[in-house]
Amino acid sequence: MVTLPILGLVTPKEAFVGFSSNAVISIIAVIIIGAGL
């Protein structure tokens, strides 16, 4: 995540877009639901 934008292979915004992705938020929610169960 840190090296790719330094090398210019992705933009800084693209480097951290994973934290706002649908997949990451879904996984966090699934883990919380599982803990509740």
All heavy atoms as atom14 arrays in JSON, in Angstrom:
{
  "sequence": "MVTLPILGLVTPKEAFVGFSSNAVISIIAVIIIGAGL",
  "atom14_mask": [
    [1, 1, 1, 1, 1, 1, 1, 1, 0, 0, 0, 0, 0, 0],
    [1, 1, 1, 1, 1, 1, 1, 0, 0, 0, 0, 0, 0, 0],
    [1, 1, 1, 1, 1, 1, 1, 0, 0, 0, 0, 0, 0, 0],
    [1, 1, 1, 1, 1, 1, 1, 1, 0, 0, 0, 0, 0, 0],
    [1, 1, 1, 1, 1, 1, 1, 0, 0, 0, 0, 0, 0, 0],
    [1, 1, 1, 1, 1, 1, 1, 1, 0, 0, 0, 0, 0, 0],
    [1, 1, 1, 1, 1, 1, 1, 1, 0, 0, 0, 0, 0, 0],
    [1, 1, 1, 1, 0, 0, 0, 0, 0, 0, 0, 0, 0, 0],
    [1, 1, 1, 1, 1, 1, 1, 1, 0, 0, 0, 0, 0, 0],
    [1, 1, 1, 1, 1, 1, 1, 0, 0, 0, 0, 0, 0, 0],
    [1, 1, 1, 1, 1, 1, 1, 0, 0, 0, 0, 0, 0, 0],
    [1, 1, 1, 1, 1, 1, 1, 0, 0, 0, 0, 0, 0, 0],
    [1, 1, 1, 1, 1, 1, 1, 1, 1, 0, 0, 0, 0, 0],
    [1, 1, 1, 1, 1, 1, 1, 1, 1, 0, 0, 0, 0, 0],
    [1, 1, 1, 1, 1, 0, 0, 0, 0, 0, 0, 0, 0, 0],
    [1, 1, 1, 1, 1, 1, 1, 1, 1, 1, 1, 0, 0, 0],
    [1, 1, 1, 1, 1, 1, 1, 0, 0, 0, 0, 0, 0, 0],
    [1, 1, 1, 1, 0, 0, 0, 0, 0, 0, 0, 0, 0, 0],
    [1, 1, 1, 1, 1, 1, 1, 1, 1, 1, 1, 0, 0, 0],
    [1, 1, 1, 1, 1, 1, 0, 0, 0, 0, 0, 0, 0, 0],
    [1, 1, 1, 1, 1, 1, 0, 0, 0, 0, 0, 0, 0, 0],
    [1, 1, 1, 1, 1, 1, 1, 1, 0, 0, 0, 0, 0, 0],
    [1, 1, 1, 1, 1, 0, 0, 0, 0, 0, 0, 0, 0, 0],
    [1, 1, 1, 1, 1, 1, 1, 0, 0, 0, 0, 0, 0, 0],
    [1, 1, 1, 1, 1, 1, 1, 1, 0, 0, 0, 0, 0, 0],
    [1, 1, 1, 1, 1, 1, 0, 0, 0, 0, 0, 0, 0, 0],
    [1, 1, 1, 1, 1, 1, 1, 1, 0, 0, 0, 0, 0, 0],
    [1, 1, 1, 1, 1, 1, 1, 1, 0, 0, 0, 0, 0, 0],
    [1, 1, 1, 1, 1, 0, 0, 0, 0, 0, 0, 0, 0, 0],
    [1, 1, 1, 1, 1, 1, 1, 0, 0, 0, 0, 0, 0, 0],
    [1, 1, 1, 1, 1, 1, 1, 1, 0, 0, 0, 0, 0, 0],
    [1, 1, 1, 1, 1, 1, 1, 1, 0, 0, 0, 0, 0, 0],
    [1, 1, 1, 1, 1, 1, 1, 1, 0, 0, 0, 0, 0, 0],
    [1, 1, 1, 1, 0, 0, 0, 0, 0, 0, 0, 0, 0, 0],
    [1, 1, 1, 1, 1, 0, 0, 0, 0, 0, 0, 0, 0, 0],
    [1, 1, 1, 1, 0, 0, 0, 0, 0, 0, 0, 0, 0, 0],
    [1, 1, 1, 1, 1, 1, 1, 1, 0, 0, 0, 0, 0, 0]
  ],
  "atom14_positions": [
    [[0.82, -1.2, 0.0], [0.0, 0.0, 0.0], [0.87, 1.27, 0.0], [0.51, 2.28, -0.6], [-0.92, -0.02, 1.23], [-1.94, 1.09, 1.32], [-3.18, 0.74, 2.59], [-2.17, 0.34, 4.01], [0.0, 0.0, 0.0], [0.0, 0.0, 0.0], [0.0, 0.0, 0.0], [0.0, 0.0, 0.0], [0.0, 0.0, 0.0], [0.0, 0.0, 0.0]],
    [[2.04, 1.21, 0.64], [2.92, 2.37, 0.72], [3.85, 2.45, -0.49], [4.12, 3.53, -1.02], [3.73, 2.31, 2.03], [4.8, 3.4, 2.05], [2.82, 2.45, 3.24], [0.0, 0.0, 0.0], [0.0, 0.0, 0.0], [0.0, 0.0, 0.0], [0.0, 0.0, 0.0], [0.0, 0.0, 0.0], [0.0, 0.0, 0.0], [0.0, 0.0, 0.0]],
    [[4.35, 1.29, -0.93], [5.37, 1.28, -1.98], [4.79, 1.59, -3.36], [5.43, 2.29, -4.16], [6.07, -0.1, -2.02], [6.57, -0.4, -0.72], [7.22, -0.1, -3.02], [0.0, 0.0, 0.0], [0.0, 0.0, 0.0], [0.0, 0.0, 0.0], [0.0, 0.0, 0.0], [0.0, 0.0, 0.0], [0.0, 0.0, 0.0], [0.0, 0.0, 0.0]],
    [[3.6, 1.08, -3.65], [3.02, 1.28, -4.99], [2.86, 2.74, -5.37], [3.23, 3.13, -6.49], [1.68, 0.53, -5.08], [1.78, -1.0, -5.13], [0.4, -1.62, -4.99], [2.44, -1.46, -6.42], [0.0, 0.0, 0.0], [0.0, 0.0, 0.0], [0.0, 0.0, 0.0], [0.0, 0.0, 0.0], [0.0, 0.0, 0.0], [0.0, 0.0, 0.0]],
    [[2.33, 3.62, -4.51], [2.25, 5.04, -4.91], [3.63, 5.7, -5.0], [3.82, 6.62, -5.81], [1.39, 5.67, -3.82], [1.5, 4.77, -2.66], [1.66, 3.39, -3.22], [0.0, 0.0, 0.0], [0.0, 0.0, 0.0], [0.0, 0.0, 0.0], [0.0, 0.0, 0.0], [0.0, 0.0, 0.0], [0.0, 0.0, 0.0], [0.0, 0.0, 0.0]],
    [[4.58, 5.24, -4.17], [5.93, 5.8, -4.26], [6.55, 5.5, -5.62], [7.24, 6.34, -6.22], [6.82, 5.25, -3.12], [6.32, 5.77, -1.76], [8.29, 5.62, -3.34], [7.07, 5.2, -0.57], [0.0, 0.0, 0.0], [0.0, 0.0, 0.0], [0.0, 0.0, 0.0], [0.0, 0.0, 0.0], [0.0, 0.0, 0.0], [0.0, 0.0, 0.0]],
    [[6.27, 4.32, -6.14], [6.79, 3.93, -7.45], [5.96, 4.52, -8.59], [6.31, 4.33, -9.76], [6.81, 2.39, -7.57], [7.77, 1.66, -6.62], [7.61, 0.13, -6.78], [9.21, 2.07, -6.87], [0.0, 0.0, 0.0], [0.0, 0.0, 0.0], [0.0, 0.0, 0.0], [0.0, 0.0, 0.0], [0.0, 0.0, 0.0], [0.0, 0.0, 0.0]],
    [[4.88, 5.16, -8.26], [4.04, 5.77, -9.28], [3.13, 4.8, -10.0], [2.58, 5.12, -11.06], [0.0, 0.0, 0.0], [0.0, 0.0, 0.0], [0.0, 0.0, 0.0], [0.0, 0.0, 0.0], [0.0, 0.0, 0.0], [0.0, 0.0, 0.0], [0.0, 0.0, 0.0], [0.0, 0.0, 0.0], [0.0, 0.0, 0.0], [0.0, 0.0, 0.0]],
    [[2.93, 3.61, -9.43], [2.09, 2.6, -10.07], [0.61, 2.83, -9.77], [-0.26, 2.37, -10.52], [2.53, 1.2, -9.63], [3.98, 0.84, -9.99], [4.35, -0.51, -9.39], [4.16, 0.82, -11.51], [0.0, 0.0, 0.0], [0.0, 0.0, 0.0], [0.0, 0.0, 0.0], [0.0, 0.0, 0.0], [0.0, 0.0, 0.0], [0.0, 0.0, 0.0]],
    [[0.3, 3.49, -8.67], [-1.06, 3.91, -8.36], [-0.98, 5.3, -7.76], [0.07, 5.74, -7.3], [-1.77, 2.96, -7.36], [-1.93, 1.56, -7.92], [-1.0, 2.91, -6.03], [0.0, 0.0, 0.0], [0.0, 0.0, 0.0], [0.0, 0.0, 0.0], [0.0, 0.0, 0.0], [0.0, 0.0, 0.0], [0.0, 0.0, 0.0], [0.0, 0.0, 0.0]],
    [[-2.1, 6.0, -7.74], [-2.13, 7.32, -7.1], [-2.27, 7.16, -5.59], [-2.71, 6.1, -5.1], [-3.32, 8.15, -7.62], [-4.54, 7.52, -7.19], [-3.29, 8.23, -9.14], [0.0, 0.0, 0.0], [0.0, 0.0, 0.0], [0.0, 0.0, 0.0], [0.0, 0.0, 0.0], [0.0, 0.0, 0.0], [0.0, 0.0, 0.0], [0.0, 0.0, 0.0]],
    [[-1.89, 8.18, -4.81], [-2.07, 8.08, -3.35], [-3.52, 7.78, -2.95], [-3.77, 7.04, -2.0], [-1.62, 9.46, -2.86], [-0.64, 9.91, -3.89], [-1.17, 9.39, -5.19], [0.0, 0.0, 0.0], [0.0, 0.0, 0.0], [0.0, 0.0, 0.0], [0.0, 0.0, 0.0], [0.0, 0.0, 0.0], [0.0, 0.0, 0.0], [0.0, 0.0, 0.0]],
    [[-4.46, 8.35, -3.67], [-5.88, 8.08, -3.36], [-6.21, 6.61, -3.61], [-6.92, 5.97, -2.82], [-6.77, 8.98, -4.21], [-8.25, 8.82, -3.92], [-9.09, 9.8, -4.74], [-10.57, 9.65, -4.42], [-11.39, 10.6, -5.21], [0.0, 0.0, 0.0], [0.0, 0.0, 0.0], [0.0, 0.0, 0.0], [0.0, 0.0, 0.0], [0.0, 0.0, 0.0]],
    [[-5.72, 6.06, -4.72], [-5.97, 4.65, -5.03], [-5.29, 3.74, -4.01], [-5.78, 2.64, -3.73], [-5.47, 4.33, -6.43], [-6.29, 4.96, -7.55], [-5.64, 4.8, -8.91], [-4.4, 4.69, -8.96], [-6.38, 4.81, -9.91], [0.0, 0.0, 0.0], [0.0, 0.0, 0.0], [0.0, 0.0, 0.0], [0.0, 0.0, 0.0], [0.0, 0.0, 0.0]],
    [[-4.18, 4.18, -3.44], [-3.46, 3.35, -2.48], [-4.28, 3.08, -1.22], [-4.15, 2.02, -0.6], [-2.14, 4.03, -2.1], [0.0, 0.0, 0.0], [0.0, 0.0, 0.0], [0.0, 0.0, 0.0], [0.0, 0.0, 0.0], [0.0, 0.0, 0.0], [0.0, 0.0, 0.0], [0.0, 0.0, 0.0], [0.0, 0.0, 0.0], [0.0, 0.0, 0.0]],
    [[-5.13, 4.03, -0.83], [-5.89, 3.88, 0.42], [-7.38, 3.69, 0.18], [-8.16, 3.73, 1.13], [-5.65, 5.1, 1.32], [-4.22, 5.27, 1.73], [-3.4, 6.19, 1.1], [-3.68, 4.47, 2.72], [-2.07, 6.33, 1.47], [-2.35, 4.61, 3.1], [-1.54, 5.54, 2.47], [0.0, 0.0, 0.0], [0.0, 0.0, 0.0], [0.0, 0.0, 0.0]],
    [[-7.78, 3.48, -1.07], [-9.19, 3.33, -1.37], [-9.76, 2.04, -0.78], [-10.97, 1.91, -0.58], [-9.41, 3.35, -2.91], [-8.92, 2.06, -3.55], [-10.87, 3.62, -3.24], [0.0, 0.0, 0.0], [0.0, 0.0, 0.0], [0.0, 0.0, 0.0], [0.0, 0.0, 0.0], [0.0, 0.0, 0.0], [0.0, 0.0, 0.0], [0.0, 0.0, 0.0]],
    [[-8.89, 1.09, -0.46], [-9.36, -0.18, 0.1], [-10.11, -0.02, 1.4], [-11.04, -0.79, 1.7], [0.0, 0.0, 0.0], [0.0, 0.0, 0.0], [0.0, 0.0, 0.0], [0.0, 0.0, 0.0], [0.0, 0.0, 0.0], [0.0, 0.0, 0.0], [0.0, 0.0, 0.0], [0.0, 0.0, 0.0], [0.0, 0.0, 0.0], [0.0, 0.0, 0.0]],
    [[-9.73, 0.99, 2.21], [-10.39, 1.16, 3.51], [-11.83, 1.65, 3.38], [-12.59, 1.57, 4.34], [-9.59, 2.15, 4.37], [-8.29, 1.59, 4.85], [-7.09, 2.0, 4.3], [-8.26, 0.63, 5.85], [-5.89, 1.48, 4.74], [-7.07, 0.1, 6.3], [-5.87, 0.53, 5.74], [0.0, 0.0, 0.0], [0.0, 0.0, 0.0], [0.0, 0.0, 0.0]],
    [[-12.19, 2.17, 2.23], [-13.57, 2.61, 2.02], [-14.32, 1.69, 1.07], [-15.43, 2.01, 0.66], [-13.58, 4.04, 1.46], [-12.93, 4.08, 0.19], [0.0, 0.0, 0.0], [0.0, 0.0, 0.0], [0.0, 0.0, 0.0], [0.0, 0.0, 0.0], [0.0, 0.0, 0.0], [0.0, 0.0, 0.0], [0.0, 0.0, 0.0], [0.0, 0.0, 0.0]],
    [[-13.73, 0.56, 0.76], [-14.35, -0.32, -0.23], [-15.53, -1.08, 0.36], [-15.62, -1.31, 1.57], [-13.32, -1.32, -0.77], [-12.99, -2.27, 0.21], [0.0, 0.0, 0.0], [0.0, 0.0, 0.0], [0.0, 0.0, 0.0], [0.0, 0.0, 0.0], [0.0, 0.0, 0.0], [0.0, 0.0, 0.0], [0.0, 0.0, 0.0], [0.0, 0.0, 0.0]],
    [[-16.42, -1.47, -0.5], [-17.59, -2.25, -0.11], [-17.17, -3.56, 0.56], [-17.78, -4.01, 1.54], [-18.44, -2.53, -1.35], [-19.66, -3.37, -1.04], [-20.45, -3.02, -0.19], [-19.79, -4.49, -1.74], [0.0, 0.0, 0.0], [0.0, 0.0, 0.0], [0.0, 0.0, 0.0], [0.0, 0.0, 0.0], [0.0, 0.0, 0.0], [0.0, 0.0, 0.0]],
    [[-16.11, -4.17, 0.04], [-15.66, -5.46, 0.56], [-15.17, -5.35, 1.99], [-15.52, -6.17, 2.86], [-14.56, -6.03, -0.34], [0.0, 0.0, 0.0], [0.0, 0.0, 0.0], [0.0, 0.0, 0.0], [0.0, 0.0, 0.0], [0.0, 0.0, 0.0], [0.0, 0.0, 0.0], [0.0, 0.0, 0.0], [0.0, 0.0, 0.0], [0.0, 0.0, 0.0]],
    [[-14.35, -4.34, 2.28], [-13.78, -4.19, 3.62], [-14.88, -3.91, 4.64], [-14.92, -4.51, 5.72], [-12.72, -3.06, 3.62], [-12.32, -2.72, 5.05], [-11.5, -3.49, 2.83], [0.0, 0.0, 0.0], [0.0, 0.0, 0.0], [0.0, 0.0, 0.0], [0.0, 0.0, 0.0], [0.0, 0.0, 0.0], [0.0, 0.0, 0.0], [0.0, 0.0, 0.0]],
    [[-15.78, -3.0, 4.32], [-16.88, -2.68, 5.24], [-17.77, -3.9, 5.45], [-18.23, -4.16, 6.57], [-17.7, -1.49, 4.7], [-16.81, -0.26, 4.51], [-18.85, -1.17, 5.66], [-16.1, 0.19, 5.77], [0.0, 0.0, 0.0], [0.0, 0.0, 0.0], [0.0, 0.0, 0.0], [0.0, 0.0, 0.0], [0.0, 0.0, 0.0], [0.0, 0.0, 0.0]],
    [[-18.0, -4.68, 4.4], [-18.83, -5.88, 4.53], [-18.19, -6.89, 5.47], [-18.87, -7.51, 6.3], [-19.05, -6.51, 3.15], [-19.75, -5.65, 2.3], [0.0, 0.0, 0.0], [0.0, 0.0, 0.0], [0.0, 0.0, 0.0], [0.0, 0.0, 0.0], [0.0, 0.0, 0.0], [0.0, 0.0, 0.0], [0.0, 0.0, 0.0], [0.0, 0.0, 0.0]],
    [[-16.88, -7.07, 5.34], [-16.19, -8.03, 6.2], [-16.24, -7.58, 7.65], [-16.48, -8.39, 8.57], [-14.74, -8.21, 5.71], [-14.73, -8.97, 4.38], [-13.91, -8.96, 6.75], [-13.37, -9.08, 3.75], [0.0, 0.0, 0.0], [0.0, 0.0, 0.0], [0.0, 0.0, 0.0], [0.0, 0.0, 0.0], [0.0, 0.0, 0.0], [0.0, 0.0, 0.0]],
    [[-16.03, -6.29, 7.91], [-16.13, -5.77, 9.29], [-17.53, -6.05, 9.85], [-17.67, -6.51, 10.99], [-15.82, -4.27, 9.31], [-14.35, -4.01, 8.98], [-16.17, -3.67, 10.68], [-14.0, -2.55, 8.83], [0.0, 0.0, 0.0], [0.0, 0.0, 0.0], [0.0, 0.0, 0.0], [0.0, 0.0, 0.0], [0.0, 0.0, 0.0], [0.0, 0.0, 0.0]],
    [[-18.56, -5.79, 9.06], [-19.93, -5.99, 9.52], [-20.23, -7.46, 9.79], [-20.88, -7.81, 10.78], [-20.91, -5.43, 8.5], [0.0, 0.0, 0.0], [0.0, 0.0, 0.0], [0.0, 0.0, 0.0], [0.0, 0.0, 0.0], [0.0, 0.0, 0.0], [0.0, 0.0, 0.0], [0.0, 0.0, 0.0], [0.0, 0.0, 0.0], [0.0, 0.0, 0.0]],
    [[-19.75, -8.35, 8.91], [-19.98, -9.79, 9.09], [-19.33, -10.27, 10.38], [-19.91, -11.07, 11.13], [-19.43, -10.58, 7.88], [-19.34, -12.06, 8.21], [-20.34, -10.37, 6.67], [0.0, 0.0, 0.0], [0.0, 0.0, 0.0], [0.0, 0.0, 0.0], [0.0, 0.0, 0.0], [0.0, 0.0, 0.0], [0.0, 0.0, 0.0], [0.0, 0.0, 0.0]],
    [[-18.13, -9.8, 10.68], [-17.44, -10.2, 11.9], [-18.23, -9.74, 13.13], [-18.39, -10.49, 14.11], [-16.01, -9.63, 11.93], [-15.17, -10.29, 10.83], [-15.37, -9.85, 13.28], [-13.78, -9.68, 10.67], [0.0, 0.0, 0.0], [0.0, 0.0, 0.0], [0.0, 0.0, 0.0], [0.0, 0.0, 0.0], [0.0, 0.0, 0.0], [0.0, 0.0, 0.0]],
    [[-18.76, -8.51, 13.1], [-19.53, -8.0, 14.24], [-20.82, -8.79, 14.41], [-21.21, -9.15, 15.54], [-19.83, -6.5, 14.05], [-18.52, -5.69, 14.09], [-20.79, -5.99, 15.13], [-18.68, -4.23, 13.74], [0.0, 0.0, 0.0], [0.0, 0.0, 0.0], [0.0, 0.0, 0.0], [0.0, 0.0, 0.0], [0.0, 0.0, 0.0], [0.0, 0.0, 0.0]],
    [[-21.5, -9.1, 13.31], [-22.73, -9.9, 13.39], [-22.41, -11.29, 13.96], [-23.15, -11.81, 14.81], [-23.37, -10.01, 12.0], [-23.97, -8.66, 11.58], [-24.47, -11.08, 11.99], [-24.49, -8.63, 10.16], [0.0, 0.0, 0.0], [0.0, 0.0, 0.0], [0.0, 0.0, 0.0], [0.0, 0.0, 0.0], [0.0, 0.0, 0.0], [0.0, 0.0, 0.0]],
    [[-21.32, -11.89, 13.51], [-20.93, -13.19, 14.03], [-20.64, -13.15, 15.52], [-21.01, -14.06, 16.27], [0.0, 0.0, 0.0], [0.0, 0.0, 0.0], [0.0, 0.0, 0.0], [0.0, 0.0, 0.0], [0.0, 0.0, 0.0], [0.0, 0.0, 0.0], [0.0, 0.0, 0.0], [0.0, 0.0, 0.0], [0.0, 0.0, 0.0], [0.0, 0.0, 0.0]],
    [[-20.0, -12.07, 15.97], [-19.72, -11.92, 17.41], [-21.01, -11.79, 18.2], [-21.13, -12.32, 19.31], [-18.83, -10.7, 17.64], [0.0, 0.0, 0.0], [0.0, 0.0, 0.0], [0.0, 0.0, 0.0], [0.0, 0.0, 0.0], [0.0, 0.0, 0.0], [0.0, 0.0, 0.0], [0.0, 0.0, 0.0], [0.0, 0.0, 0.0], [0.0, 0.0, 0.0]],
    [[-22.0, -11.09, 17.63], [-23.28, -10.96, 18.31], [-24.0, -12.3, 18.44], [-24.57, -12.61, 19.49], [0.0, 0.0, 0.0], [0.0, 0.0, 0.0], [0.0, 0.0, 0.0], [0.0, 0.0, 0.0], [0.0, 0.0, 0.0], [0.0, 0.0, 0.0], [0.0, 0.0, 0.0], [0.0, 0.0, 0.0], [0.0, 0.0, 0.0], [0.0, 0.0, 0.0]],
    [[-23.98, -13.08, 17.37], [-24.58, -14.42, 17.42], [-23.89, -15.29, 18.46], [-24.53, -16.07, 19.17], [-24.52, -15.07, 16.04], [-25.32, -14.39, 14.93], [-25.03, -15.05, 13.59], [-26.81, -14.45, 15.23], [0.0, 0.0, 0.0], [0.0, 0.0, 0.0], [0.0, 0.0, 0.0], [0.0, 0.0, 0.0], [0.0, 0.0, 0.0], [0.0, 0.0, 0.0]]
  ]
}
